[in-house]
Amino acid sequence: MKRLSRHPARATLIVLAGIILIAINLRPALSSLAPVLTEVSRDTGLDSLSAGWLTTLPVLCLGLFGPLAPWLARRHGSERVILVALLTLAAGIVLRGLDGRTGLFGGTIVAGASIGIIGVLLPGIVKRDFPGQASLMTGVYTLALCLGAALAAGATVPLAQWHTQGWRPALMFWAIPAVLAALVWLPQSRHSARPAATTHREPSLLRSPLAWQVTAYLGLQSSLAYIVFGWLPSILIDRGLTPVDAGLTLSLSVMMQMVTALLAPALANLGRDQRLPIAIMVILSFAGLIGMLEGATSSLWWWGIVLGLGQGGAFGLALALIVLRTANPVQAASLSGMAQGVGYLMAAAGPLAVGLLHRQTGNWHSLVLLVSIISLADLVFGLLAGRKQVIGDQRGA
């Protein structure tokens, strides 16, 4: 039987369990807030713009702190950095459940920074430790990511209703799986190895049009994704759904992301390039969002399915492009850092713009134009990035 990883057979299961548990923890801090955002805003006195900043901060931190991850890994080893980041993630989640805006915003920043660092380092460990099953493990990683987001979106409101203190302990609850993941990961951190130094330096990607096209595609599709994570339950509650149903609708949509995210590697290899699957996923995402904003209330569950299928595939294809558009692993790591750093900074503008528009208009209809503009730009850059080329050749240089 073919060995799955570089680890002894007895340790493989523990490593795999650690990776899955860590991935599950990379989205609950984001998706758990949205279903109770109305109650959080009411109890803490947040207006729409302040709530927009609250939903934007985690995404902003992904872009600001993610680029620090390779430097930290070189000094301390990836496994140790991930362990510490899991503990700071748990601390940030607990902090934002404490009284006052300071804890709410401060904890959000700490949690977002921790997720940004882990999100950059974990895929590299997956590729390093499971070299023969990189595509399979990337699919498992993506599946766990979506599962964590779906669980937090669907369970936070019931937790808040069950506990007498409401949303605060419901948000703090998601520190528990982060601590569990840290305990499982602890043995790996004891044998953390620093990345080997290399004298080979890849040319800067900042001058590559193709690198910017991949970055823009990832950033724009992430902007739509974090608008959904941050604001969809509030939109659905204003449209007449109960908080529980709004959270479950978001959870259903995120669960549907698992389907197309897992199929993304296969979709990426169906044709001569990736333009057709990218176009299909962008159109599905756009249609699902417009359906959520303007469709009949009775059809919102169906639009949630459409939205999830589109966004899961769009994200999976963005990850695939990072590999397909690079010539070697070093270049792929550089493009991943650029796409996640700059891309998530771009993505942060989406949730903030939603809060600003809602503050100015008092309704959600104005989001149709915003979503249309972002989706059109995403389609354009996706079609450019989806052409069959590699960074360094004449077209993709």
Protein backbone atom coordinates (compact mmCIF):
# COMPACT_ATOMS: atom_id res chain seq x y z
CA MET A 1 0.00 0.00 0.00
CA LYS A 2 1.33 3.42 -0.92
CA ARG A 3 2.50 5.47 2.05
CA LEU A 4 0.29 8.52 2.55
CA SER A 5 2.86 10.77 4.19
CA ARG A 6 6.49 11.12 5.17
CA HIS A 7 5.63 10.12 8.76
CA PRO A 8 5.77 6.58 10.20
CA ALA A 9 2.46 4.81 9.76
CA ARG A 10 1.59 5.04 13.48
CA ALA A 11 1.99 8.83 13.48
CA THR A 12 0.17 9.51 10.22
CA LEU A 13 -3.29 9.39 11.79
CA ILE A 14 -2.28 11.85 14.52
CA VAL A 15 -0.80 14.27 11.99
CA LEU A 16 -3.89 14.00 9.82
CA ALA A 17 -6.20 14.54 12.80
CA GLY A 18 -4.18 17.60 13.79
CA ILE A 19 -4.39 19.12 10.32
CA ILE A 20 -8.15 18.52 10.12
CA LEU A 21 -8.79 19.98 13.59
CA ILE A 22 -6.68 23.04 12.83
CA ALA A 23 -8.48 23.62 9.53
CA ILE A 24 -11.86 23.34 11.27
CA ASN A 25 -10.81 26.26 13.50
CA LEU A 26 -9.91 28.68 10.70
CA ARG A 27 -13.46 29.96 10.09
CA PRO A 28 -15.65 29.75 13.25
CA ALA A 29 -14.28 33.06 14.58
CA LEU A 30 -15.64 34.67 11.39
CA SER A 31 -18.87 32.77 10.74
CA SER A 32 -20.03 32.63 14.38
CA LEU A 33 -20.40 36.40 14.68
CA ALA A 34 -22.73 37.02 11.74
CA PRO A 35 -25.81 35.14 13.07
CA VAL A 36 -25.74 37.17 16.32
CA LEU A 37 -24.49 40.46 14.85
CA THR A 38 -27.87 42.14 15.37
CA GLU A 39 -27.82 41.30 19.08
CA VAL A 40 -24.15 42.25 19.40
CA SER A 41 -24.80 45.62 17.77
CA ARG A 42 -27.82 46.28 19.96
CA ASP A 43 -26.09 45.38 23.23
CA THR A 44 -22.86 47.24 22.48
CA GLY A 45 -24.36 50.23 20.67
CA LEU A 46 -22.74 49.60 17.29
CA ASP A 47 -24.14 51.36 14.24
CA SER A 48 -23.93 49.86 10.74
CA LEU A 49 -20.51 51.35 10.02
CA SER A 50 -19.02 50.11 13.30
CA ALA A 51 -20.52 46.68 12.66
CA GLY A 52 -18.95 46.87 9.21
CA TRP A 53 -15.55 47.45 10.79
CA LEU A 54 -16.17 44.52 13.14
CA THR A 55 -16.82 42.18 10.21
CA THR A 56 -13.91 43.67 8.25
CA LEU A 57 -11.19 43.44 10.91
CA PRO A 58 -10.67 39.65 10.74
CA VAL A 59 -10.30 39.75 6.95
CA LEU A 60 -7.96 42.74 7.20
CA CYS A 61 -5.85 40.82 9.71
CA LEU A 62 -5.60 37.87 7.31
CA GLY A 63 -3.87 40.16 4.84
CA LEU A 64 -1.75 42.09 7.35
CA PHE A 65 -0.46 39.22 9.50
CA GLY A 66 -0.33 36.39 6.97
CA PRO A 67 2.91 37.69 5.38
CA LEU A 68 4.60 37.49 8.80
CA ALA A 69 4.09 33.72 8.91
CA PRO A 70 7.11 32.68 6.76
CA TRP A 71 9.44 34.87 8.85
CA LEU A 72 8.09 33.39 12.08
CA ALA A 73 8.45 29.87 10.67
CA ARG A 74 12.08 30.49 9.73
CA ARG A 75 12.85 31.57 13.31
CA HIS A 76 10.78 29.10 15.31
CA GLY A 77 9.52 26.34 12.99
CA SER A 78 6.09 26.08 11.41
CA GLU A 79 4.68 23.59 13.92
CA ARG A 80 5.54 25.72 16.95
CA VAL A 81 4.20 28.87 15.34
CA ILE A 82 0.91 27.11 14.56
CA LEU A 83 0.64 25.85 18.15
CA VAL A 84 1.11 29.35 19.59
CA ALA A 85 -1.31 30.79 17.02
CA LEU A 86 -3.97 28.25 18.04
CA LEU A 87 -3.64 29.36 21.65
CA THR A 88 -3.82 33.07 20.73
CA LEU A 89 -6.82 32.25 18.53
CA ALA A 90 -8.57 30.72 21.55
CA ALA A 91 -7.61 33.73 23.67
CA GLY A 92 -8.95 36.16 21.06
CA ILE A 93 -12.24 34.28 20.82
CA VAL A 94 -12.65 34.42 24.60
CA LEU A 95 -11.66 38.10 24.72
CA ARG A 96 -14.35 39.21 22.29
CA GLY A 97 -17.00 37.62 24.48
CA LEU A 98 -16.02 39.80 27.44
CA ASP A 99 -17.83 43.03 28.30
CA GLY A 100 -17.15 46.18 26.33
CA ARG A 101 -16.22 47.18 22.82
CA THR A 102 -12.52 46.93 23.64
CA GLY A 103 -12.76 43.19 24.20
CA LEU A 104 -15.00 42.74 21.17
CA PHE A 105 -12.70 44.56 18.74
CA GLY A 106 -9.44 43.54 20.43
CA GLY A 107 -10.39 39.89 20.49
CA THR A 108 -11.43 40.07 16.85
CA ILE A 109 -8.01 41.44 15.89
CA VAL A 110 -6.15 38.77 17.88
CA ALA A 111 -8.29 35.99 16.39
CA GLY A 112 -7.94 37.34 12.85
CA ALA A 113 -4.16 37.68 13.16
CA SER A 114 -3.88 34.11 14.45
CA ILE A 115 -5.99 32.74 11.59
CA GLY A 116 -3.92 34.69 9.06
CA ILE A 117 -0.68 33.13 10.30
CA ILE A 118 -2.06 29.59 10.49
CA GLY A 119 -3.71 29.91 7.08
CA VAL A 120 -0.39 30.65 5.38
CA LEU A 121 1.61 27.91 7.14
CA LEU A 122 -0.80 24.97 7.20
CA PRO A 123 -1.06 24.36 3.40
CA GLY A 124 2.74 24.20 3.26
CA ILE A 125 2.78 21.51 5.94
CA VAL A 126 0.11 19.59 4.02
CA LYS A 127 2.24 19.66 0.86
CA ARG A 128 5.43 18.80 2.76
CA ASP A 129 4.09 15.93 4.85
CA PHE A 130 1.79 14.39 2.23
CA PRO A 131 3.73 14.89 -1.02
CA GLY A 132 2.16 11.92 -2.76
CA GLN A 133 -1.40 12.92 -1.93
CA ALA A 134 -1.23 16.71 -2.20
CA SER A 135 -4.49 17.08 -4.16
CA LEU A 136 -6.41 14.73 -1.87
CA MET A 137 -5.13 16.40 1.28
CA THR A 138 -5.85 19.86 -0.09
CA GLY A 139 -9.42 18.69 -0.64
CA VAL A 140 -9.59 17.35 2.92
CA TYR A 141 -8.17 20.64 4.21
CA THR A 142 -10.77 22.65 2.27
CA LEU A 143 -13.56 20.34 3.42
CA ALA A 144 -12.56 20.83 7.08
CA LEU A 145 -12.40 24.58 6.54
CA CYS A 146 -15.97 24.66 5.23
CA LEU A 147 -17.17 22.27 7.94
CA GLY A 148 -15.92 24.57 10.70
CA ALA A 149 -17.58 27.57 9.12
CA ALA A 150 -20.88 25.73 8.69
CA LEU A 151 -20.93 24.41 12.26
CA ALA A 152 -20.30 27.85 13.75
CA ALA A 153 -22.88 29.52 11.51
CA GLY A 154 -25.58 27.02 12.39
CA ALA A 155 -24.90 26.43 16.07
CA THR A 156 -24.13 29.90 17.48
CA VAL A 157 -27.72 31.16 17.71
CA PRO A 158 -29.01 27.96 19.39
CA LEU A 159 -26.09 28.24 21.84
CA ALA A 160 -27.00 31.87 22.54
CA GLN A 161 -30.64 30.96 23.11
CA TRP A 162 -29.69 28.06 25.37
CA HIS A 163 -27.38 30.07 27.62
CA THR A 164 -28.89 32.68 29.94
CA GLN A 165 -26.17 35.23 29.07
CA GLY A 166 -26.92 35.11 25.37
CA TRP A 167 -24.39 35.77 22.62
CA ARG A 168 -21.26 36.27 24.74
CA PRO A 169 -20.78 32.64 25.89
CA ALA A 170 -22.00 31.48 22.47
CA LEU A 171 -19.08 33.30 20.83
CA MET A 172 -16.64 32.19 23.53
CA PHE A 173 -17.65 28.55 23.01
CA TRP A 174 -15.60 28.39 19.80
CA ALA A 175 -12.40 28.69 21.81
CA ILE A 176 -12.93 25.09 22.93
CA PRO A 177 -12.19 23.43 19.55
CA ALA A 178 -9.14 25.70 19.16
CA VAL A 179 -7.74 24.45 22.49
CA LEU A 180 -8.55 20.86 21.49
CA ALA A 181 -6.67 21.32 18.22
CA ALA A 182 -3.68 22.76 20.13
CA LEU A 183 -3.59 19.70 22.41
CA VAL A 184 -3.64 17.32 19.44
CA TRP A 185 -0.95 19.39 17.68
CA LEU A 186 1.32 19.61 20.72
CA PRO A 187 3.41 16.49 19.86
CA GLN A 188 4.16 17.94 16.41
CA SER A 189 5.41 21.20 17.88
CA ARG A 190 8.04 19.34 19.91
CA HIS A 191 9.71 18.24 16.70
CA SER A 192 9.28 21.47 14.77
CA ALA A 193 11.92 21.99 12.08
CA ARG A 194 12.84 25.33 10.62
CA PRO A 195 12.64 25.59 6.83
CA ALA A 196 15.95 24.86 5.16
CA ALA A 197 17.81 27.92 3.98
CA THR A 198 18.16 28.31 0.25
CA THR A 199 20.42 30.44 -1.91
CA HIS A 200 17.98 30.33 -4.81
CA ARG A 201 15.79 33.41 -5.02
CA GLU A 202 12.76 33.63 -7.28
CA PRO A 203 12.22 36.89 -9.16
CA SER A 204 9.69 39.22 -7.55
CA LEU A 205 6.11 38.50 -8.59
CA LEU A 206 5.12 42.15 -8.25
CA ARG A 207 6.03 42.74 -11.91
CA SER A 208 4.07 39.74 -13.19
CA PRO A 209 0.66 40.57 -14.71
CA LEU A 210 -0.41 36.95 -14.24
CA ALA A 211 0.46 37.01 -10.53
CA TRP A 212 -1.69 40.12 -10.11
CA GLN A 213 -4.54 38.51 -12.06
CA VAL A 214 -4.52 35.45 -9.76
CA THR A 215 -4.29 37.74 -6.72
CA ALA A 216 -7.18 39.91 -7.90
CA TYR A 217 -9.36 36.88 -8.64
CA LEU A 218 -8.73 35.40 -5.20
CA GLY A 219 -9.22 38.76 -3.49
CA LEU A 220 -12.49 39.60 -5.25
CA GLN A 221 -14.06 36.17 -4.72
CA SER A 222 -12.95 36.37 -1.08
CA SER A 223 -14.60 39.78 -0.80
CA LEU A 224 -17.93 38.23 -1.79
CA ALA A 225 -17.32 35.30 0.58
CA TYR A 226 -16.66 37.55 3.57
CA ILE A 227 -19.67 39.70 2.76
CA VAL A 228 -21.66 36.48 3.11
CA PHE A 229 -19.86 35.44 6.32
CA GLY A 230 -20.24 38.88 7.88
CA TRP A 231 -23.64 40.10 6.76
CA LEU A 232 -25.88 37.40 5.26
CA PRO A 233 -27.72 36.48 8.50
CA SER A 234 -28.43 40.16 9.22
CA ILE A 235 -29.82 40.55 5.70
CA LEU A 236 -32.01 37.47 6.07
CA ILE A 237 -33.29 38.54 9.51
CA ASP A 238 -34.33 41.89 8.05
CA ARG A 239 -36.09 39.97 5.29
CA GLY A 240 -38.20 38.15 7.87
CA LEU A 241 -36.29 35.02 8.85
CA THR A 242 -35.75 34.15 12.49
CA PRO A 243 -32.14 34.32 13.76
CA VAL A 244 -32.05 30.52 13.93
CA ASP A 245 -33.26 30.13 10.33
CA ALA A 246 -30.87 32.85 9.14
CA GLY A 247 -27.94 31.04 10.77
CA LEU A 248 -29.06 27.70 9.36
CA THR A 249 -29.37 29.21 5.88
CA LEU A 250 -25.78 30.44 6.07
CA SER A 251 -24.74 27.04 7.42
CA LEU A 252 -26.46 25.25 4.53
CA SER A 253 -24.79 27.54 2.02
CA VAL A 254 -21.36 26.93 3.53
CA MET A 255 -21.95 23.18 3.63
CA MET A 256 -22.71 23.25 -0.09
CA GLN A 257 -19.32 24.85 -0.60
CA MET A 258 -17.78 21.50 0.38
CA VAL A 259 -19.20 19.86 -2.75
CA THR A 260 -17.64 22.12 -5.36
CA ALA A 261 -14.52 22.84 -3.28
CA LEU A 262 -13.73 19.11 -3.33
CA LEU A 263 -14.52 18.93 -7.05
CA ALA A 264 -12.42 21.99 -7.90
CA PRO A 265 -9.20 20.08 -8.73
CA ALA A 266 -11.15 17.87 -11.14
CA LEU A 267 -12.95 20.87 -12.62
CA ALA A 268 -9.62 22.65 -13.10
CA ASN A 269 -8.34 19.77 -15.23
CA LEU A 270 -11.46 19.17 -17.36
CA GLY A 271 -10.60 21.49 -20.25
CA ARG A 272 -7.54 23.03 -21.82
CA ASP A 273 -7.68 25.83 -19.25
CA GLN A 274 -9.80 27.01 -16.29
CA ARG A 275 -11.83 29.82 -17.84
CA LEU A 276 -15.10 27.92 -18.23
CA PRO A 277 -15.31 26.54 -14.66
CA ILE A 278 -14.29 29.92 -13.27
CA ALA A 279 -17.04 31.65 -15.26
CA ILE A 280 -19.62 29.10 -14.09
CA MET A 281 -18.68 29.51 -10.42
CA VAL A 282 -18.67 33.31 -10.56
CA ILE A 283 -22.10 33.32 -12.22
CA LEU A 284 -23.49 30.88 -9.64
CA SER A 285 -22.13 33.02 -6.80
CA PHE A 286 -23.61 36.17 -8.31
CA ALA A 287 -26.99 34.55 -8.92
CA GLY A 288 -27.10 33.18 -5.38
CA LEU A 289 -26.28 36.54 -3.81
CA ILE A 290 -28.87 38.40 -5.89
CA GLY A 291 -31.42 35.73 -5.00
CA MET A 292 -30.64 36.25 -1.32
CA LEU A 293 -31.11 40.00 -1.68
CA GLU A 294 -34.15 40.13 -3.95
CA GLY A 295 -35.65 36.64 -4.29
CA ALA A 296 -38.85 35.46 -2.65
CA THR A 297 -38.51 34.55 1.01
CA SER A 298 -39.73 31.03 0.29
CA SER A 299 -36.86 30.48 -2.14
CA LEU A 300 -33.98 31.60 0.10
CA TRP A 301 -32.92 28.05 0.96
CA TRP A 302 -32.53 27.27 -2.74
CA TRP A 303 -30.58 30.45 -3.38
CA GLY A 304 -28.36 29.48 -0.45
CA ILE A 305 -27.54 26.21 -2.21
CA VAL A 306 -26.72 28.02 -5.46
CA LEU A 307 -24.57 30.54 -3.60
CA GLY A 308 -22.67 27.82 -1.74
CA LEU A 309 -21.96 25.79 -4.87
CA GLY A 310 -20.60 28.88 -6.60
CA GLN A 311 -18.46 30.15 -3.76
CA GLY A 312 -17.00 26.74 -2.90
CA GLY A 313 -15.92 26.18 -6.49
CA ALA A 314 -14.57 29.72 -6.83
CA PHE A 315 -12.40 29.29 -3.74
CA GLY A 316 -11.19 25.84 -4.78
CA LEU A 317 -10.27 27.09 -8.24
CA ALA A 318 -8.39 30.03 -6.73
CA LEU A 319 -6.26 27.58 -4.73
CA ALA A 320 -5.74 25.46 -7.85
CA LEU A 321 -4.57 28.46 -9.87
CA ILE A 322 -1.78 29.14 -7.38
CA VAL A 323 -0.30 25.75 -8.30
CA LEU A 324 -1.21 25.71 -11.99
CA ARG A 325 0.20 29.15 -12.75
CA THR A 326 3.60 28.62 -11.11
CA ALA A 327 6.67 26.78 -12.33
CA ASN A 328 7.99 25.32 -9.05
CA PRO A 329 7.16 24.98 -5.33
CA VAL A 330 9.19 28.06 -4.34
CA GLN A 331 7.29 30.20 -6.83
CA ALA A 332 4.01 28.66 -5.69
CA ALA A 333 4.78 29.60 -2.08
CA SER A 334 5.59 33.15 -3.15
CA LEU A 335 2.37 33.46 -5.14
CA SER A 336 0.38 32.00 -2.24
CA GLY A 337 1.80 34.62 0.09
CA MET A 338 1.11 37.42 -2.38
CA ALA A 339 -2.39 36.22 -3.20
CA GLN A 340 -3.36 35.78 0.45
CA GLY A 341 -1.66 38.95 1.68
CA VAL A 342 -2.76 41.42 -1.00
CA GLY A 343 -5.90 39.46 -1.85
CA TYR A 344 -7.28 39.50 1.67
CA LEU A 345 -6.51 43.21 2.00
CA MET A 346 -8.67 43.68 -1.09
CA ALA A 347 -11.33 41.38 0.33
CA ALA A 348 -11.59 43.44 3.52
CA ALA A 349 -13.13 46.31 1.58
CA GLY A 350 -16.27 44.27 0.85
CA PRO A 351 -17.74 43.85 4.36
CA LEU A 352 -16.82 47.44 5.23
CA ALA A 353 -18.55 48.76 2.10
CA VAL A 354 -21.69 46.82 3.05
CA GLY A 355 -21.78 48.49 6.47
CA LEU A 356 -21.24 51.92 4.94
CA LEU A 357 -23.96 51.43 2.33
CA HIS A 358 -26.44 50.18 4.88
CA ARG A 359 -25.69 53.14 7.14
CA GLN A 360 -26.30 55.56 4.26
CA THR A 361 -29.40 53.93 2.76
CA GLY A 362 -30.98 52.04 5.67
CA ASN A 363 -31.75 49.05 3.40
CA TRP A 364 -30.02 46.20 1.61
CA HIS A 365 -31.19 46.92 -1.95
CA SER A 366 -28.13 49.08 -2.63
CA LEU A 367 -25.98 45.96 -2.26
CA VAL A 368 -27.21 44.72 -5.64
CA LEU A 369 -25.00 47.27 -7.38
CA LEU A 370 -22.02 46.54 -5.12
CA VAL A 371 -22.31 42.78 -5.63
CA SER A 372 -22.70 43.28 -9.38
CA ILE A 373 -19.53 45.38 -9.63
CA ILE A 374 -17.44 42.97 -7.55
CA SER A 375 -18.76 39.95 -9.47
CA LEU A 376 -18.05 41.54 -12.86
CA ALA A 377 -14.50 42.42 -11.83
CA ASP A 378 -14.05 38.92 -10.40
CA LEU A 379 -15.19 37.42 -13.70
CA VAL A 380 -12.79 39.57 -15.74
CA PHE A 381 -9.74 38.74 -13.62
CA GLY A 382 -10.82 35.11 -13.33
CA LEU A 383 -10.95 34.76 -17.12
CA LEU A 384 -7.51 36.36 -17.41
CA ALA A 385 -6.02 34.16 -14.69
CA GLY A 386 -7.75 31.08 -16.12
CA ARG A 387 -5.80 31.12 -19.38
CA LYS A 388 -3.24 28.33 -19.82
CA GLN A 389 0.04 30.01 -18.95
CA VAL A 390 2.74 30.00 -16.30
CA ILE A 391 4.46 32.86 -14.52
CA GLY A 392 7.77 33.40 -16.26
CA ASP A 393 6.68 32.65 -19.82
CA GLN A 394 6.18 35.44 -22.34
CA ARG A 395 2.47 35.95 -21.61
CA GLY A 396 2.47 35.39 -17.88
CA ALA A 397 5.74 37.09 -16.97
